[in-house]
Amino acid sequence: DEFLKLTKDDIKGFFNPNNKVKVLADIKGILNRKEYEKDFAYW
């Protein structure tokens, strides 16, 4: 439940800001793929 509450900004804050590409793996498919594909290398 605690991870379901994470916002996109929360997740962005986890990454190195200098990285052009942010690799995000969503094993359980809890995030909206179309929304996150814009800003992450989403898998």
All heavy atoms as atom14 arrays in JSON, in Angstrom:
{
  "sequence": "DEFLKLTKDDIKGFFNPNNKVKVLADIKGILNRKEYEKDFAYW",
  "atom14_mask": [
    [1, 1, 1, 1, 1, 1, 1, 1, 0, 0, 0, 0, 0, 0],
    [1, 1, 1, 1, 1, 1, 1, 1, 1, 0, 0, 0, 0, 0],
    [1, 1, 1, 1, 1, 1, 1, 1, 1, 1, 1, 0, 0, 0],
    [1, 1, 1, 1, 1, 1, 1, 1, 0, 0, 0, 0, 0, 0],
    [1, 1, 1, 1, 1, 1, 1, 1, 1, 0, 0, 0, 0, 0],
    [1, 1, 1, 1, 1, 1, 1, 1, 0, 0, 0, 0, 0, 0],
    [1, 1, 1, 1, 1, 1, 1, 0, 0, 0, 0, 0, 0, 0],
    [1, 1, 1, 1, 1, 1, 1, 1, 1, 0, 0, 0, 0, 0],
    [1, 1, 1, 1, 1, 1, 1, 1, 0, 0, 0, 0, 0, 0],
    [1, 1, 1, 1, 1, 1, 1, 1, 0, 0, 0, 0, 0, 0],
    [1, 1, 1, 1, 1, 1, 1, 1, 0, 0, 0, 0, 0, 0],
    [1, 1, 1, 1, 1, 1, 1, 1, 1, 0, 0, 0, 0, 0],
    [1, 1, 1, 1, 0, 0, 0, 0, 0, 0, 0, 0, 0, 0],
    [1, 1, 1, 1, 1, 1, 1, 1, 1, 1, 1, 0, 0, 0],
    [1, 1, 1, 1, 1, 1, 1, 1, 1, 1, 1, 0, 0, 0],
    [1, 1, 1, 1, 1, 1, 1, 1, 0, 0, 0, 0, 0, 0],
    [1, 1, 1, 1, 1, 1, 1, 0, 0, 0, 0, 0, 0, 0],
    [1, 1, 1, 1, 1, 1, 1, 1, 0, 0, 0, 0, 0, 0],
    [1, 1, 1, 1, 1, 1, 1, 1, 0, 0, 0, 0, 0, 0],
    [1, 1, 1, 1, 1, 1, 1, 1, 1, 0, 0, 0, 0, 0],
    [1, 1, 1, 1, 1, 1, 1, 0, 0, 0, 0, 0, 0, 0],
    [1, 1, 1, 1, 1, 1, 1, 1, 1, 0, 0, 0, 0, 0],
    [1, 1, 1, 1, 1, 1, 1, 0, 0, 0, 0, 0, 0, 0],
    [1, 1, 1, 1, 1, 1, 1, 1, 0, 0, 0, 0, 0, 0],
    [1, 1, 1, 1, 1, 0, 0, 0, 0, 0, 0, 0, 0, 0],
    [1, 1, 1, 1, 1, 1, 1, 1, 0, 0, 0, 0, 0, 0],
    [1, 1, 1, 1, 1, 1, 1, 1, 0, 0, 0, 0, 0, 0],
    [1, 1, 1, 1, 1, 1, 1, 1, 1, 0, 0, 0, 0, 0],
    [1, 1, 1, 1, 0, 0, 0, 0, 0, 0, 0, 0, 0, 0],
    [1, 1, 1, 1, 1, 1, 1, 1, 0, 0, 0, 0, 0, 0],
    [1, 1, 1, 1, 1, 1, 1, 1, 0, 0, 0, 0, 0, 0],
    [1, 1, 1, 1, 1, 1, 1, 1, 0, 0, 0, 0, 0, 0],
    [1, 1, 1, 1, 1, 1, 1, 1, 1, 1, 1, 0, 0, 0],
    [1, 1, 1, 1, 1, 1, 1, 1, 1, 0, 0, 0, 0, 0],
    [1, 1, 1, 1, 1, 1, 1, 1, 1, 0, 0, 0, 0, 0],
    [1, 1, 1, 1, 1, 1, 1, 1, 1, 1, 1, 1, 0, 0],
    [1, 1, 1, 1, 1, 1, 1, 1, 1, 0, 0, 0, 0, 0],
    [1, 1, 1, 1, 1, 1, 1, 1, 1, 0, 0, 0, 0, 0],
    [1, 1, 1, 1, 1, 1, 1, 1, 0, 0, 0, 0, 0, 0],
    [1, 1, 1, 1, 1, 1, 1, 1, 1, 1, 1, 0, 0, 0],
    [1, 1, 1, 1, 1, 0, 0, 0, 0, 0, 0, 0, 0, 0],
    [1, 1, 1, 1, 1, 1, 1, 1, 1, 1, 1, 1, 0, 0],
    [1, 1, 1, 1, 1, 1, 1, 1, 1, 1, 1, 1, 1, 1]
  ],
  "atom14_positions": [
    [[0.82, -1.21, 0.0], [0.0, 0.0, 0.0], [0.86, 1.26, 0.0], [0.52, 2.27, -0.64], [-0.93, 0.01, 1.22], [-2.09, -0.97, 1.07], [-2.33, -1.45, -0.06], [-2.74, -1.28, 2.09], [0.0, 0.0, 0.0], [0.0, 0.0, 0.0], [0.0, 0.0, 0.0], [0.0, 0.0, 0.0], [0.0, 0.0, 0.0], [0.0, 0.0, 0.0]],
    [[1.98, 1.23, 0.73], [2.83, 2.42, 0.82], [3.41, 2.81, -0.54], [3.63, 3.99, -0.82], [3.96, 2.2, 1.82], [4.91, 1.07, 1.47], [6.02, 0.89, 2.49], [6.71, 1.88, 2.78], [6.2, -0.25, 2.95], [0.0, 0.0, 0.0], [0.0, 0.0, 0.0], [0.0, 0.0, 0.0], [0.0, 0.0, 0.0], [0.0, 0.0, 0.0]],
    [[3.64, 1.81, -1.41], [4.18, 2.11, -2.73], [3.09, 2.54, -3.72], [3.35, 3.27, -4.67], [4.93, 0.9, -3.28], [6.08, 0.45, -2.41], [6.4, -0.91, -2.29], [6.83, 1.37, -1.7], [7.45, -1.32, -1.48], [7.89, 0.97, -0.89], [8.19, -0.37, -0.78], [0.0, 0.0, 0.0], [0.0, 0.0, 0.0], [0.0, 0.0, 0.0]],
    [[1.87, 2.09, -3.47], [0.75, 2.52, -4.3], [0.49, 4.02, -4.16], [-0.08, 4.65, -5.05], [-0.52, 1.74, -3.93], [-0.5, 0.22, -4.16], [-1.82, -0.41, -3.67], [-0.28, -0.12, -5.61], [0.0, 0.0, 0.0], [0.0, 0.0, 0.0], [0.0, 0.0, 0.0], [0.0, 0.0, 0.0], [0.0, 0.0, 0.0], [0.0, 0.0, 0.0]],
    [[0.91, 4.58, -3.04], [0.68, 6.01, -2.76], [1.72, 6.91, -3.41], [1.57, 8.14, -3.4], [0.65, 6.24, -1.25], [-0.49, 5.53, -0.53], [-0.36, 5.68, 0.98], [-1.45, 4.89, 1.72], [-1.26, 4.94, 3.2], [0.0, 0.0, 0.0], [0.0, 0.0, 0.0], [0.0, 0.0, 0.0], [0.0, 0.0, 0.0], [0.0, 0.0, 0.0]],
    [[2.79, 6.33, -3.94], [3.86, 7.15, -4.53], [3.35, 7.91, -5.75], [2.67, 7.36, -6.61], [5.04, 6.27, -4.93], [5.84, 5.62, -3.79], [6.84, 4.62, -4.36], [6.56, 6.68, -2.96], [0.0, 0.0, 0.0], [0.0, 0.0, 0.0], [0.0, 0.0, 0.0], [0.0, 0.0, 0.0], [0.0, 0.0, 0.0], [0.0, 0.0, 0.0]],
    [[3.7, 9.17, -5.83], [3.33, 9.98, -7.0], [4.47, 9.94, -8.03], [5.58, 9.48, -7.73], [3.07, 11.44, -6.6], [4.31, 12.02, -6.13], [2.03, 11.52, -5.49], [0.0, 0.0, 0.0], [0.0, 0.0, 0.0], [0.0, 0.0, 0.0], [0.0, 0.0, 0.0], [0.0, 0.0, 0.0], [0.0, 0.0, 0.0], [0.0, 0.0, 0.0]],
    [[4.19, 10.46, -9.21], [5.23, 10.5, -10.23], [6.41, 11.36, -9.76], [7.58, 11.02, -9.99], [4.67, 11.05, -11.55], [5.7, 10.99, -12.7], [5.25, 11.74, -13.91], [4.29, 10.96, -14.73], [3.99, 11.61, -16.04], [0.0, 0.0, 0.0], [0.0, 0.0, 0.0], [0.0, 0.0, 0.0], [0.0, 0.0, 0.0], [0.0, 0.0, 0.0]],
    [[6.1, 12.46, -9.1], [7.16, 13.33, -8.59], [8.0, 12.61, -7.52], [9.22, 12.8, -7.46], [6.57, 14.62, -8.01], [6.1, 15.58, -9.1], [6.58, 15.45, -10.26], [5.25, 16.44, -8.8], [0.0, 0.0, 0.0], [0.0, 0.0, 0.0], [0.0, 0.0, 0.0], [0.0, 0.0, 0.0], [0.0, 0.0, 0.0], [0.0, 0.0, 0.0]],
    [[7.32, 11.82, -6.68], [8.05, 11.03, -5.68], [9.07, 10.12, -6.36], [10.24, 10.05, -5.96], [7.09, 10.16, -4.86], [6.2, 10.96, -3.93], [6.61, 12.06, -3.51], [5.09, 10.47, -3.62], [0.0, 0.0, 0.0], [0.0, 0.0, 0.0], [0.0, 0.0, 0.0], [0.0, 0.0, 0.0], [0.0, 0.0, 0.0], [0.0, 0.0, 0.0]],
    [[8.61, 9.44, -7.4], [9.46, 8.48, -8.1], [10.58, 9.19, -8.85], [11.73, 8.74, -8.85], [8.61, 7.6, -9.05], [7.64, 6.73, -8.21], [9.5, 6.71, -9.92], [6.6, 5.98, -9.02], [0.0, 0.0, 0.0], [0.0, 0.0, 0.0], [0.0, 0.0, 0.0], [0.0, 0.0, 0.0], [0.0, 0.0, 0.0], [0.0, 0.0, 0.0]],
    [[10.27, 10.32, -9.47], [11.31, 11.11, -10.14], [12.42, 11.49, -9.17], [13.6, 11.51, -9.52], [10.71, 12.38, -10.75], [10.1, 12.21, -12.12], [9.64, 13.55, -12.66], [9.05, 13.42, -14.06], [8.55, 14.72, -14.57], [0.0, 0.0, 0.0], [0.0, 0.0, 0.0], [0.0, 0.0, 0.0], [0.0, 0.0, 0.0], [0.0, 0.0, 0.0]],
    [[12.01, 11.8, -7.94], [12.98, 12.21, -6.92], [13.95, 11.12, -6.5], [14.96, 11.41, -5.84], [0.0, 0.0, 0.0], [0.0, 0.0, 0.0], [0.0, 0.0, 0.0], [0.0, 0.0, 0.0], [0.0, 0.0, 0.0], [0.0, 0.0, 0.0], [0.0, 0.0, 0.0], [0.0, 0.0, 0.0], [0.0, 0.0, 0.0], [0.0, 0.0, 0.0]],
    [[13.67, 9.87, -6.87], [14.56, 8.76, -6.53], [15.8, 8.71, -7.44], [16.79, 8.07, -7.11], [13.84, 7.41, -6.63], [12.69, 7.24, -5.67], [11.59, 6.46, -6.01], [12.71, 7.86, -4.43], [10.54, 6.29, -5.13], [11.65, 7.69, -3.53], [10.57, 6.9, -3.89], [0.0, 0.0, 0.0], [0.0, 0.0, 0.0], [0.0, 0.0, 0.0]],
    [[15.72, 9.34, -8.62], [16.73, 9.17, -9.65], [17.82, 10.23, -9.62], [17.62, 11.34, -9.11], [16.08, 9.15, -11.03], [15.3, 7.9, -11.33], [13.96, 7.81, -10.98], [15.91, 6.82, -11.95], [13.23, 6.66, -11.25], [15.18, 5.67, -12.22], [13.85, 5.58, -11.87], [0.0, 0.0, 0.0], [0.0, 0.0, 0.0], [0.0, 0.0, 0.0]],
    [[18.95, 9.86, -10.21], [20.03, 10.81, -10.44], [19.55, 11.85, -11.43], [19.23, 11.53, -12.58], [21.26, 10.07, -10.98], [22.48, 10.96, -11.12], [22.36, 12.18, -11.26], [23.65, 10.34, -11.12], [0.0, 0.0, 0.0], [0.0, 0.0, 0.0], [0.0, 0.0, 0.0], [0.0, 0.0, 0.0], [0.0, 0.0, 0.0], [0.0, 0.0, 0.0]],
    [[19.48, 13.11, -11.04], [18.93, 14.15, -11.95], [19.79, 14.36, -13.2], [19.32, 14.93, -14.19], [18.9, 15.4, -11.07], [19.9, 15.14, -9.98], [19.87, 13.68, -9.73], [0.0, 0.0, 0.0], [0.0, 0.0, 0.0], [0.0, 0.0, 0.0], [0.0, 0.0, 0.0], [0.0, 0.0, 0.0], [0.0, 0.0, 0.0], [0.0, 0.0, 0.0]],
    [[21.03, 13.88, -13.15], [21.92, 14.05, -14.3], [21.7, 13.0, -15.39], [22.2, 13.15, -16.51], [23.38, 14.02, -13.85], [23.71, 15.17, -12.91], [23.25, 16.29, -13.1], [24.52, 14.9, -11.87], [0.0, 0.0, 0.0], [0.0, 0.0, 0.0], [0.0, 0.0, 0.0], [0.0, 0.0, 0.0], [0.0, 0.0, 0.0], [0.0, 0.0, 0.0]],
    [[20.97, 11.93, -15.04], [20.69, 10.88, -16.02], [19.61, 11.33, -17.0], [18.52, 11.74, -16.59], [20.25, 9.59, -15.32], [21.37, 8.91, -14.57], [22.52, 9.34, -14.64], [21.05, 7.84, -13.85], [0.0, 0.0, 0.0], [0.0, 0.0, 0.0], [0.0, 0.0, 0.0], [0.0, 0.0, 0.0], [0.0, 0.0, 0.0], [0.0, 0.0, 0.0]],
    [[19.92, 11.26, -18.27], [18.92, 11.61, -19.28], [17.75, 10.63, -19.29], [16.61, 11.0, -19.55], [19.57, 11.66, -20.66], [20.55, 12.83, -20.84], [21.15, 12.83, -22.24], [22.13, 13.99, -22.41], [22.74, 13.98, -23.77], [0.0, 0.0, 0.0], [0.0, 0.0, 0.0], [0.0, 0.0, 0.0], [0.0, 0.0, 0.0], [0.0, 0.0, 0.0]],
    [[18.07, 9.36, -19.02], [17.05, 8.3, -19.03], [16.92, 7.7, -17.64], [17.91, 7.35, -17.01], [17.39, 7.2, -20.05], [16.3, 6.13, -20.07], [17.58, 7.79, -21.45], [0.0, 0.0, 0.0], [0.0, 0.0, 0.0], [0.0, 0.0, 0.0], [0.0, 0.0, 0.0], [0.0, 0.0, 0.0], [0.0, 0.0, 0.0], [0.0, 0.0, 0.0]],
    [[15.69, 7.59, -17.18], [15.42, 7.02, -15.86], [14.77, 5.65, -16.04], [13.65, 5.55, -16.53], [14.51, 7.96, -15.05], [15.15, 9.33, -14.8], [14.15, 10.27, -14.14], [14.81, 11.6, -13.77], [15.37, 12.31, -14.95], [0.0, 0.0, 0.0], [0.0, 0.0, 0.0], [0.0, 0.0, 0.0], [0.0, 0.0, 0.0], [0.0, 0.0, 0.0]],
    [[15.48, 4.61, -15.65], [15.01, 3.23, -15.85], [14.11, 2.82, -14.69], [14.55, 2.76, -13.54], [16.19, 2.25, -15.99], [15.68, 0.81, -16.12], [17.05, 2.63, -17.19], [0.0, 0.0, 0.0], [0.0, 0.0, 0.0], [0.0, 0.0, 0.0], [0.0, 0.0, 0.0], [0.0, 0.0, 0.0], [0.0, 0.0, 0.0], [0.0, 0.0, 0.0]],
    [[12.85, 2.56, -15.01], [11.85, 2.22, -13.99], [11.21, 0.88, -14.34], [10.63, 0.71, -15.4], [10.78, 3.31, -13.92], [9.6, 3.08, -12.97], [10.07, 2.98, -11.53], [8.57, 4.2, -13.12], [0.0, 0.0, 0.0], [0.0, 0.0, 0.0], [0.0, 0.0, 0.0], [0.0, 0.0, 0.0], [0.0, 0.0, 0.0], [0.0, 0.0, 0.0]],
    [[11.33, -0.08, -13.42], [10.71, -1.39, -13.59], [9.54, -1.52, -12.63], [9.69, -1.36, -11.42], [11.72, -2.51, -13.34], [0.0, 0.0, 0.0], [0.0, 0.0, 0.0], [0.0, 0.0, 0.0], [0.0, 0.0, 0.0], [0.0, 0.0, 0.0], [0.0, 0.0, 0.0], [0.0, 0.0, 0.0], [0.0, 0.0, 0.0], [0.0, 0.0, 0.0]],
    [[8.38, -1.8, -13.17], [7.13, -1.9, -12.4], [6.66, -3.36, -12.49], [5.83, -3.71, -13.32], [6.11, -0.93, -13.0], [4.75, -0.99, -12.31], [4.66, -1.5, -11.19], [3.78, -0.5, -12.93], [0.0, 0.0, 0.0], [0.0, 0.0, 0.0], [0.0, 0.0, 0.0], [0.0, 0.0, 0.0], [0.0, 0.0, 0.0], [0.0, 0.0, 0.0]],
    [[7.22, -4.2, -11.63], [7.02, -5.65, -11.75], [5.54, -6.04, -11.66], [5.07, -6.9, -12.38], [7.82, -6.42, -10.67], [9.28, -5.99, -10.67], [7.69, -7.92, -10.87], [9.99, -6.2, -11.96], [0.0, 0.0, 0.0], [0.0, 0.0, 0.0], [0.0, 0.0, 0.0], [0.0, 0.0, 0.0], [0.0, 0.0, 0.0], [0.0, 0.0, 0.0]],
    [[4.81, -5.4, -10.78], [3.41, -5.75, -10.54], [2.44, -4.95, -11.41], [1.23, -5.13, -11.32], [3.06, -5.56, -9.06], [3.9, -6.4, -8.1], [3.56, -7.86, -8.18], [2.22, -8.16, -7.56], [1.94, -9.59, -7.48], [0.0, 0.0, 0.0], [0.0, 0.0, 0.0], [0.0, 0.0, 0.0], [0.0, 0.0, 0.0], [0.0, 0.0, 0.0]],
    [[2.96, -4.04, -12.23], [2.09, -3.25, -13.09], [1.13, -2.35, -12.34], [-0.03, -2.22, -12.72], [0.0, 0.0, 0.0], [0.0, 0.0, 0.0], [0.0, 0.0, 0.0], [0.0, 0.0, 0.0], [0.0, 0.0, 0.0], [0.0, 0.0, 0.0], [0.0, 0.0, 0.0], [0.0, 0.0, 0.0], [0.0, 0.0, 0.0], [0.0, 0.0, 0.0]],
    [[1.63, -1.69, -11.28], [0.75, -0.85, -10.46], [0.62, 0.57, -10.98], [-0.24, 1.33, -10.56], [1.23, -0.81, -8.99], [2.59, -0.11, -8.86], [1.29, -2.21, -8.41], [3.03, 0.1, -7.42], [0.0, 0.0, 0.0], [0.0, 0.0, 0.0], [0.0, 0.0, 0.0], [0.0, 0.0, 0.0], [0.0, 0.0, 0.0], [0.0, 0.0, 0.0]],
    [[1.5, 0.96, -11.93], [1.5, 2.33, -12.45], [0.81, 2.39, -13.81], [0.7, 1.39, -14.52], [2.94, 2.84, -12.58], [3.81, 2.8, -11.32], [5.23, 3.23, -11.64], [3.21, 3.66, -10.21], [0.0, 0.0, 0.0], [0.0, 0.0, 0.0], [0.0, 0.0, 0.0], [0.0, 0.0, 0.0], [0.0, 0.0, 0.0], [0.0, 0.0, 0.0]],
    [[0.36, 3.58, -14.16], [-0.25, 3.81, -15.47], [0.87, 3.88, -16.53], [1.63, 4.84, -16.58], [-1.05, 5.11, -15.44], [-1.8, 5.36, -16.74], [-1.28, 5.21, -17.84], [-3.06, 5.77, -16.62], [0.0, 0.0, 0.0], [0.0, 0.0, 0.0], [0.0, 0.0, 0.0], [0.0, 0.0, 0.0], [0.0, 0.0, 0.0], [0.0, 0.0, 0.0]],
    [[0.97, 2.86, -17.33], [2.07, 2.74, -18.3], [2.16, 3.96, -19.21], [3.25, 4.53, -19.39], [1.9, 1.48, -19.14], [2.94, 1.32, -20.26], [2.73, -0.01, -21.0], [1.43, -0.07, -21.62], [1.14, 0.38, -22.83], [2.07, 0.96, -23.56], [-0.09, 0.24, -23.33], [0.0, 0.0, 0.0], [0.0, 0.0, 0.0], [0.0, 0.0, 0.0]],
    [[1.07, 4.37, -19.79], [1.09, 5.48, -20.75], [1.57, 6.77, -20.11], [2.25, 7.58, -20.74], [-0.29, 5.66, -21.36], [-0.69, 4.52, -22.29], [-2.04, 4.74, -22.92], [-2.4, 3.59, -23.86], [-3.74, 3.77, -24.49], [0.0, 0.0, 0.0], [0.0, 0.0, 0.0], [0.0, 0.0, 0.0], [0.0, 0.0, 0.0], [0.0, 0.0, 0.0]],
    [[1.21, 6.96, -18.85], [1.62, 8.17, -18.14], [3.12, 8.16, -17.85], [3.8, 9.18, -17.95], [0.84, 8.28, -16.83], [1.14, 9.54, -16.04], [0.38, 9.6, -14.73], [-0.62, 8.86, -14.58], [0.81, 10.35, -13.83], [0.0, 0.0, 0.0], [0.0, 0.0, 0.0], [0.0, 0.0, 0.0], [0.0, 0.0, 0.0], [0.0, 0.0, 0.0]],
    [[3.65, 7.01, -17.49], [5.05, 6.93, -17.07], [6.02, 6.75, -18.23], [7.2, 7.07, -18.11], [5.22, 5.8, -16.03], [4.82, 6.24, -14.65], [3.48, 6.28, -14.27], [5.77, 6.64, -13.73], [3.1, 6.7, -13.02], [5.41, 7.07, -12.46], [4.06, 7.1, -12.12], [3.7, 7.54, -10.87], [0.0, 0.0, 0.0], [0.0, 0.0, 0.0]],
    [[5.56, 6.24, -19.35], [6.43, 6.08, -20.51], [6.97, 7.41, -21.04], [8.01, 7.45, -21.68], [5.67, 5.36, -21.63], [5.63, 3.85, -21.47], [4.89, 3.16, -22.6], [4.05, 3.82, -23.26], [5.13, 1.97, -22.81], [0.0, 0.0, 0.0], [0.0, 0.0, 0.0], [0.0, 0.0, 0.0], [0.0, 0.0, 0.0], [0.0, 0.0, 0.0]],
    [[6.27, 8.49, -20.75], [6.69, 9.81, -21.22], [7.99, 10.26, -20.56], [8.81, 10.94, -21.18], [5.6, 10.84, -20.94], [4.26, 10.55, -21.6], [3.2, 11.52, -21.1], [1.81, 11.15, -21.64], [0.76, 12.03, -21.03], [0.0, 0.0, 0.0], [0.0, 0.0, 0.0], [0.0, 0.0, 0.0], [0.0, 0.0, 0.0], [0.0, 0.0, 0.0]],
    [[8.16, 9.88, -19.29], [9.28, 10.42, -18.51], [10.3, 9.36, -18.08], [11.33, 9.71, -17.51], [8.75, 11.13, -17.26], [7.79, 12.26, -17.59], [8.24, 13.25, -18.17], [6.58, 12.13, -17.3], [0.0, 0.0, 0.0], [0.0, 0.0, 0.0], [0.0, 0.0, 0.0], [0.0, 0.0, 0.0], [0.0, 0.0, 0.0], [0.0, 0.0, 0.0]],
    [[9.99, 8.1, -18.31], [10.86, 7.03, -17.84], [11.07, 5.98, -18.93], [10.24, 5.85, -19.84], [10.26, 6.31, -16.62], [10.01, 7.2, -15.44], [8.8, 7.88, -15.31], [10.96, 7.37, -14.45], [8.55, 8.7, -14.22], [10.72, 8.18, -13.36], [9.52, 8.85, -13.24], [0.0, 0.0, 0.0], [0.0, 0.0, 0.0], [0.0, 0.0, 0.0]],
    [[12.17, 5.26, -18.81], [12.32, 4.02, -19.59], [11.58, 2.96, -18.8], [12.14, 2.28, -17.94], [13.79, 3.66, -19.75], [0.0, 0.0, 0.0], [0.0, 0.0, 0.0], [0.0, 0.0, 0.0], [0.0, 0.0, 0.0], [0.0, 0.0, 0.0], [0.0, 0.0, 0.0], [0.0, 0.0, 0.0], [0.0, 0.0, 0.0], [0.0, 0.0, 0.0]],
    [[10.28, 2.88, -19.05], [9.36, 2.09, -18.23], [9.28, 0.65, -18.76], [9.13, 0.42, -19.97], [7.98, 2.74, -18.24], [6.91, 1.99, -17.48], [6.74, 2.18, -16.13], [6.08, 1.09, -18.14], [5.75, 1.5, -15.43], [5.09, 0.4, -17.46], [4.93, 0.6, -16.1], [3.95, -0.09, -15.42], [0.0, 0.0, 0.0], [0.0, 0.0, 0.0]],
    [[9.35, -0.31, -17.81], [9.26, -1.72, -18.18], [8.44, -2.48, -17.13], [8.53, -2.18, -15.94], [10.66, -2.33, -18.28], [10.67, -3.79, -18.67], [10.72, -4.3, -19.92], [10.65, -4.92, -17.79], [10.71, -5.68, -19.89], [10.67, -6.09, -18.58], [10.59, -5.07, -16.39], [10.67, -7.37, -18.04], [10.57, -6.36, -15.85], [10.61, -7.48, -16.67]]
  ]
}
